[in-house]
């Protein structure tokens, strides 16, 4: 069981770093762009420290398409929480409908 959960936990951590690296600066638009780029790269380093092992360990129990699908679903969940809680943007009904279609895609990708 732990070998199935380890890559998922690592992907969650990785996505938190990735989301802050890619979008965290939007709350600090008064900072110089060059500084934002450097800070984002530093944050992205930690993202890779979790992403690479997640894929390495994950490929032992999931195929590449399944790994990518898991990662995308995690990204949508983390990003949704981030946009609402950190950036204070509204979550709309049409986003939810779009996510439902993505969950359907997950169903078909994991179907034997």
Protein backbone atom coordinates (compact mmCIF):
# COMPACT_ATOMS: atom_id res chain seq x y z
CA UNK A 1 0.00 0.00 0.00
CA UNK A 2 2.80 2.42 0.89
CA UNK A 3 4.39 1.97 -2.54
CA UNK A 4 1.13 3.22 -4.11
CA UNK A 5 0.77 6.18 -1.74
CA UNK A 6 4.39 7.39 -1.67
CA UNK A 7 4.37 8.81 -5.22
CA UNK A 8 0.99 10.45 -4.61
CA UNK A 9 2.20 12.12 -1.40
CA UNK A 10 5.38 13.29 -3.16
CA UNK A 11 3.29 14.63 -6.07
CA UNK A 12 1.09 16.58 -3.67
CA UNK A 13 4.13 18.20 -2.03
CA UNK A 14 5.68 18.87 -5.43
CA UNK A 15 2.50 20.52 -6.69
CA UNK A 16 2.30 22.84 -3.70
CA UNK A 17 5.80 24.10 -4.52
CA UNK A 18 5.01 24.26 -8.25
CA UNK A 19 1.84 26.26 -7.72
CA UNK A 20 3.63 28.80 -5.54
CA UNK A 21 6.52 29.00 -8.03
CA UNK A 22 4.22 29.58 -10.99
CA UNK A 23 1.42 31.66 -9.47
CA UNK A 24 2.45 32.91 -6.03
CA UNK A 25 3.94 36.09 -7.47
CA UNK A 26 0.53 37.20 -8.74
CA UNK A 27 -0.22 38.39 -5.24
CA UNK A 28 2.97 40.50 -5.26
CA UNK A 29 2.74 42.40 -8.53
CA UNK A 30 4.75 45.30 -7.13
CA UNK A 31 7.93 43.16 -7.01
CA UNK A 32 10.43 43.47 -9.84
CA UNK A 33 10.01 40.80 -12.52
CA UNK A 34 13.66 39.71 -12.34
CA UNK A 35 13.29 39.11 -8.58
CA UNK A 36 10.08 37.16 -9.08
CA UNK A 37 11.82 34.96 -11.66
CA UNK A 38 14.71 34.19 -9.31
CA UNK A 39 12.42 33.43 -6.37
CA UNK A 40 10.24 31.24 -8.60
CA UNK A 41 13.28 29.28 -9.77
CA UNK A 42 14.37 28.75 -6.17
CA UNK A 43 10.90 27.45 -5.27
CA UNK A 44 10.85 25.28 -8.41
CA UNK A 45 14.08 23.60 -7.28
CA UNK A 46 12.21 22.15 -4.31
CA UNK A 47 9.36 21.14 -6.60
CA UNK A 48 11.78 19.04 -8.63
CA UNK A 49 13.24 17.52 -5.46
CA UNK A 50 9.82 15.93 -4.90
CA UNK A 51 8.63 15.52 -8.51
CA UNK A 52 11.56 13.44 -9.73
CA UNK A 53 11.40 10.88 -6.90
CA UNK A 54 7.61 10.78 -7.22
CA UNK A 55 7.93 9.76 -10.85
CA UNK A 56 10.80 7.36 -10.17
CA UNK A 57 8.96 5.57 -7.35
CA UNK A 58 5.61 5.93 -9.06
CA UNK A 59 6.78 4.25 -12.26
CA UNK A 60 7.31 1.07 -10.24
CA UNK A 61 3.53 0.78 -9.64
CA UNK A 62 1.90 3.03 -12.28
CA UNK A 63 2.52 3.44 -15.99
CA UNK A 64 3.54 6.85 -17.34
CA UNK A 65 0.05 7.81 -18.49
CA UNK A 66 -1.39 6.93 -15.09
CA UNK A 67 1.35 8.93 -13.34
CA UNK A 68 0.68 11.97 -15.51
CA UNK A 69 -3.06 11.67 -14.93
CA UNK A 70 -2.57 11.47 -11.16
CA UNK A 71 -0.31 14.50 -11.33
CA UNK A 72 -2.83 16.53 -13.34
CA UNK A 73 -5.68 15.75 -10.95
CA UNK A 74 -3.50 16.70 -7.98
CA UNK A 75 -2.52 19.90 -9.80
CA UNK A 76 -6.15 20.87 -10.34
CA UNK A 77 -7.04 20.25 -6.70
CA UNK A 78 -4.01 22.13 -5.34
CA UNK A 79 -4.48 24.96 -7.84
CA UNK A 80 -8.18 25.30 -7.02
CA UNK A 81 -7.45 25.54 -3.31
CA UNK A 82 -4.57 27.94 -3.98
CA UNK A 83 -6.60 30.24 -6.21
CA UNK A 84 -9.44 30.46 -3.70
CA UNK A 85 -7.47 30.56 -0.43
CA UNK A 86 -4.28 32.40 -1.46
CA UNK A 87 -5.26 34.51 -4.47
CA UNK A 88 -8.84 34.97 -3.21
CA UNK A 89 -10.40 34.23 -6.58
CA UNK A 90 -13.89 32.89 -6.96
CA UNK A 91 -14.43 29.21 -7.78
CA UNK A 92 -17.18 29.01 -10.41
CA UNK A 93 -19.65 26.30 -11.26
CA UNK A 94 -18.24 25.81 -14.76
CA UNK A 95 -14.82 24.99 -13.25
CA UNK A 96 -16.50 22.21 -11.29
CA UNK A 97 -18.17 20.84 -14.42
CA UNK A 98 -14.84 20.85 -16.23
CA UNK A 99 -13.23 18.98 -13.34
CA UNK A 100 -16.01 16.38 -13.47
CA UNK A 101 -15.07 15.68 -17.08
CA UNK A 102 -11.44 15.33 -16.06
CA UNK A 103 -12.45 12.82 -13.38
CA UNK A 104 -14.27 10.89 -16.10
CA UNK A 105 -11.02 10.89 -18.08
CA UNK A 106 -9.25 9.48 -15.02
CA UNK A 107 -11.84 6.70 -14.86
CA UNK A 108 -11.15 5.67 -18.46
CA UNK A 109 -7.36 5.92 -18.11
CA UNK A 110 -7.34 3.61 -15.09
CA UNK A 111 -9.97 1.21 -16.48
CA UNK A 112 -8.51 -2.19 -17.26
